[in-house]
């Protein structure tokens, strides 16, 4: 069941990255400052990068170990916390009602993404160790 959830997450994140990237490039470009646009694009890029990572690991791993499962959940959680908090910050700021609580959420998402990469590194080391 976990590989299917990871693959579904990958495809959902990938599709949403395309939709949000287009939305940002066309509709939001008119209301965003340059900094907001760059931040929004960072959220989209990281979302797409990690959608691809989730797709690859979803097709390659069986998620039978706690390490593999934790890695996958770190990536999924990281995308949600990192990218979606950036979207929320940019949009709410552009509308003049910045949701400040999202500010600390972004680095937590980044920490989750970093943890996923570290766990992937450990996973690749495990056959060697």
C-alpha atoms as a PDB file:
ATOM      1  CA  UNK A   1       0.000   0.000   0.000  1.00  0.00           C
ATOM      2  CA  UNK A   2       2.811   2.432   0.799  1.00  0.00           C
ATOM      3  CA  UNK A   3       4.367   2.321  -2.706  1.00  0.00           C
ATOM      4  CA  UNK A   4       0.958   3.191  -4.147  1.00  0.00           C
ATOM      5  CA  UNK A   5       0.545   6.137  -1.752  1.00  0.00           C
ATOM      6  CA  UNK A   6       4.035   7.374  -2.643  1.00  0.00           C
ATOM      7  CA  UNK A   7       3.329   7.078  -6.377  1.00  0.00           C
ATOM      8  CA  UNK A   8      -0.013   8.838  -5.986  1.00  0.00           C
ATOM      9  CA  UNK A   9       1.695  11.599  -3.994  1.00  0.00           C
ATOM     10  CA  UNK A  10       4.357  11.912  -6.697  1.00  0.00           C
ATOM     11  CA  UNK A  11       1.835  12.307  -9.486  1.00  0.00           C
ATOM     12  CA  UNK A  12      -0.348  14.699  -7.478  1.00  0.00           C
ATOM     13  CA  UNK A  13       2.641  16.868  -6.517  1.00  0.00           C
ATOM     14  CA  UNK A  14       3.884  16.837 -10.117  1.00  0.00           C
ATOM     15  CA  UNK A  15       0.526  17.859 -11.551  1.00  0.00           C
ATOM     16  CA  UNK A  16       0.053  20.563  -8.911  1.00  0.00           C
ATOM     17  CA  UNK A  17       3.544  21.912  -9.610  1.00  0.00           C
ATOM     18  CA  UNK A  18       2.593  22.358 -13.266  1.00  0.00           C
ATOM     19  CA  UNK A  19      -0.726  24.000 -12.365  1.00  0.00           C
ATOM     20  CA  UNK A  20       0.772  26.276  -9.711  1.00  0.00           C
ATOM     21  CA  UNK A  21       3.737  27.166 -11.912  1.00  0.00           C
ATOM     22  CA  UNK A  22       1.423  28.238 -14.718  1.00  0.00           C
ATOM     23  CA  UNK A  23      -0.865  30.060 -12.281  1.00  0.00           C
ATOM     24  CA  UNK A  24       2.124  31.903 -10.834  1.00  0.00           C
ATOM     25  CA  UNK A  25       3.574  32.773 -14.230  1.00  0.00           C
ATOM     26  CA  UNK A  26       0.312  34.177 -15.541  1.00  0.00           C
ATOM     27  CA  UNK A  27      -2.230  35.202 -12.909  1.00  0.00           C
ATOM     28  CA  UNK A  28      -0.002  35.922  -9.920  1.00  0.00           C
ATOM     29  CA  UNK A  29       2.750  37.678 -11.852  1.00  0.00           C
ATOM     30  CA  UNK A  30       0.507  40.726 -11.994  1.00  0.00           C
ATOM     31  CA  UNK A  31       0.091  41.002  -8.217  1.00  0.00           C
ATOM     32  CA  UNK A  32       3.409  39.616  -6.905  1.00  0.00           C
ATOM     33  CA  UNK A  33       6.540  41.592  -6.225  1.00  0.00           C
ATOM     34  CA  UNK A  34       9.768  40.242  -7.719  1.00  0.00           C
ATOM     35  CA  UNK A  35      10.719  38.680  -4.369  1.00  0.00           C
ATOM     36  CA  UNK A  36       7.303  37.042  -3.984  1.00  0.00           C
ATOM     37  CA  UNK A  37       7.541  35.663  -7.510  1.00  0.00           C
ATOM     38  CA  UNK A  38      10.984  34.209  -6.839  1.00  0.00           C
ATOM     39  CA  UNK A  39       9.794  32.643  -3.581  1.00  0.00           C
ATOM     40  CA  UNK A  40       6.722  31.184  -5.260  1.00  0.00           C
ATOM     41  CA  UNK A  41       8.900  29.736  -8.047  1.00  0.00           C
ATOM     42  CA  UNK A  42      11.196  28.192  -5.417  1.00  0.00           C
ATOM     43  CA  UNK A  43       8.196  26.420  -3.899  1.00  0.00           C
ATOM     44  CA  UNK A  44       7.159  25.113  -7.323  1.00  0.00           C
ATOM     45  CA  UNK A  45      10.687  23.931  -8.183  1.00  0.00           C
ATOM     46  CA  UNK A  46      11.175  22.104  -4.895  1.00  0.00           C
ATOM     47  CA  UNK A  47       7.747  20.534  -5.242  1.00  0.00           C
ATOM     48  CA  UNK A  48       8.558  19.241  -8.730  1.00  0.00           C
ATOM     49  CA  UNK A  49      12.033  18.023  -7.759  1.00  0.00           C
ATOM     50  CA  UNK A  50      10.583  16.019  -4.927  1.00  0.00           C
ATOM     51  CA  UNK A  51       7.677  14.733  -7.031  1.00  0.00           C
ATOM     52  CA  UNK A  52      10.317  13.218  -9.310  1.00  0.00           C
ATOM     53  CA  UNK A  53      12.224  11.791  -6.336  1.00  0.00           C
ATOM     54  CA  UNK A  54       9.021  10.260  -4.976  1.00  0.00           C
ATOM     55  CA  UNK A  55       8.256   8.771  -8.384  1.00  0.00           C
ATOM     56  CA  UNK A  56      11.690   7.174  -8.644  1.00  0.00           C
ATOM     57  CA  UNK A  57      11.743   5.768  -5.118  1.00  0.00           C
ATOM     58  CA  UNK A  58       8.106   4.692  -5.454  1.00  0.00           C
ATOM     59  CA  UNK A  59       9.059   2.595  -8.475  1.00  0.00           C
ATOM     60  CA  UNK A  60      12.353   1.300  -7.062  1.00  0.00           C
ATOM     61  CA  UNK A  61      11.767   0.584  -3.377  1.00  0.00           C
ATOM     62  CA  UNK A  62       9.374  -1.765  -1.630  1.00  0.00           C
ATOM     63  CA  UNK A  63       9.129   0.284   1.599  1.00  0.00           C
ATOM     64  CA  UNK A  64       9.481  -2.833   3.702  1.00  0.00           C
ATOM     65  CA  UNK A  65      11.837  -1.182   6.182  1.00  0.00           C
ATOM     66  CA  UNK A  66      11.159   1.596   8.660  1.00  0.00           C
ATOM     67  CA  UNK A  67      14.007   3.558   7.101  1.00  0.00           C
ATOM     68  CA  UNK A  68      12.422   3.499   3.640  1.00  0.00           C
ATOM     69  CA  UNK A  69       9.020   4.411   5.021  1.00  0.00           C
ATOM     70  CA  UNK A  70      10.411   7.264   7.129  1.00  0.00           C
ATOM     71  CA  UNK A  71      12.321   8.570   4.116  1.00  0.00           C
ATOM     72  CA  UNK A  72       9.199   8.629   1.959  1.00  0.00           C
ATOM     73  CA  UNK A  73       7.108  10.327   4.627  1.00  0.00           C
ATOM     74  CA  UNK A  74       9.845  12.925   5.163  1.00  0.00           C
ATOM     75  CA  UNK A  75       9.692  13.804   1.470  1.00  0.00           C
ATOM     76  CA  UNK A  76       5.875  13.948   1.396  1.00  0.00           C
ATOM     77  CA  UNK A  77       5.632  15.970   4.606  1.00  0.00           C
ATOM     78  CA  UNK A  78       8.493  18.201   3.506  1.00  0.00           C
ATOM     79  CA  UNK A  79       6.809  19.110   0.232  1.00  0.00           C
ATOM     80  CA  UNK A  80       3.562  19.947   1.988  1.00  0.00           C
ATOM     81  CA  UNK A  81       5.187  22.034   4.721  1.00  0.00           C
ATOM     82  CA  UNK A  82       7.857  23.702   2.575  1.00  0.00           C
ATOM     83  CA  UNK A  83       6.197  24.422  -0.748  1.00  0.00           C
ATOM     84  CA  UNK A  84       2.657  25.006   0.441  1.00  0.00           C
ATOM     85  CA  UNK A  85       3.746  27.339   3.244  1.00  0.00           C
ATOM     86  CA  UNK A  86       5.652  29.384   0.656  1.00  0.00           C
ATOM     87  CA  UNK A  87       2.540  29.539  -1.540  1.00  0.00           C
ATOM     88  CA  UNK A  88       0.456  30.642   1.424  1.00  0.00           C
ATOM     89  CA  UNK A  89       2.990  33.264   2.505  1.00  0.00           C
ATOM     90  CA  UNK A  90       3.310  34.724  -0.986  1.00  0.00           C
ATOM     91  CA  UNK A  91      -0.395  34.849  -1.744  1.00  0.00           C
ATOM     92  CA  UNK A  92      -1.430  36.165   1.661  1.00  0.00           C
ATOM     93  CA  UNK A  93       1.345  38.777   1.583  1.00  0.00           C
ATOM     94  CA  UNK A  94       0.307  39.937  -1.883  1.00  0.00           C
ATOM     95  CA  UNK A  95      -3.235  40.389  -0.587  1.00  0.00           C
ATOM     96  CA  UNK A  96      -1.968  42.412   2.382  1.00  0.00           C
ATOM     97  CA  UNK A  97      -2.893  39.830   5.021  1.00  0.00           C
ATOM     98  CA  UNK A  98       0.343  37.904   5.486  1.00  0.00           C
ATOM     99  CA  UNK A  99      -0.238  34.690   7.456  1.00  0.00           C
ATOM    100  CA  UNK A 100       2.786  35.004   9.727  1.00  0.00           C
ATOM    101  CA  UNK A 101       2.394  31.582  11.334  1.00  0.00           C
ATOM    102  CA  UNK A 102       3.465  30.046   8.017  1.00  0.00           C
ATOM    103  CA  UNK A 103       6.914  31.652   8.337  1.00  0.00           C
ATOM    104  CA  UNK A 104       8.268  29.047  10.784  1.00  0.00           C
ATOM    105  CA  UNK A 105       6.587  26.211   8.856  1.00  0.00           C
ATOM    106  CA  UNK A 106       8.800  26.664   5.782  1.00  0.00           C
ATOM    107  CA  UNK A 107      12.097  25.764   7.511  1.00  0.00           C
ATOM    108  CA  UNK A 108      10.410  22.777   9.174  1.00  0.00           C
ATOM    109  CA  UNK A 109       9.456  21.576   5.702  1.00  0.00           C
ATOM    110  CA  UNK A 110      13.017  22.129   4.544  1.00  0.00           C
ATOM    111  CA  UNK A 111      14.244  20.078   7.506  1.00  0.00           C
ATOM    112  CA  UNK A 112      11.883  17.260   6.516  1.00  0.00           C
ATOM    113  CA  UNK A 113      13.184  17.355   2.936  1.00  0.00           C
ATOM    114  CA  UNK A 114      16.774  17.310   4.176  1.00  0.00           C
ATOM    115  CA  UNK A 115      15.940  14.400   6.486  1.00  0.00           C
ATOM    116  CA  UNK A 116      14.501  12.500   3.521  1.00  0.00           C
ATOM    117  CA  UNK A 117      17.736  12.985   1.586  1.00  0.00           C
ATOM    118  CA  UNK A 118      19.849  11.904   4.569  1.00  0.00           C
ATOM    119  CA  UNK A 119      17.701   8.798   5.026  1.00  0.00           C
ATOM    120  CA  UNK A 120      18.045   8.039   1.301  1.00  0.00           C
ATOM    121  CA  UNK A 121      21.820   8.316   1.708  1.00  0.00           C
ATOM    122  CA  UNK A 122      21.693   5.923   4.683  1.00  0.00           C
ATOM    123  CA  UNK A 123      19.495   3.566   2.655  1.00  0.00           C
ATOM    124  CA  UNK A 124      22.088   3.484  -0.099  1.00  0.00           C
ATOM    125  CA  UNK A 125      24.818   2.810   2.469  1.00  0.00           C
ATOM    126  CA  UNK A 126      22.916  -0.020   4.168  1.00  0.00           C
ATOM    127  CA  UNK A 127      23.798  -2.726   1.592  1.00  0.00           C
ATOM    128  CA  UNK A 128      27.448  -1.711   2.020  1.00  0.00           C
ATOM    129  CA  UNK A 129      27.438  -1.718   5.817  1.00  0.00           C
END
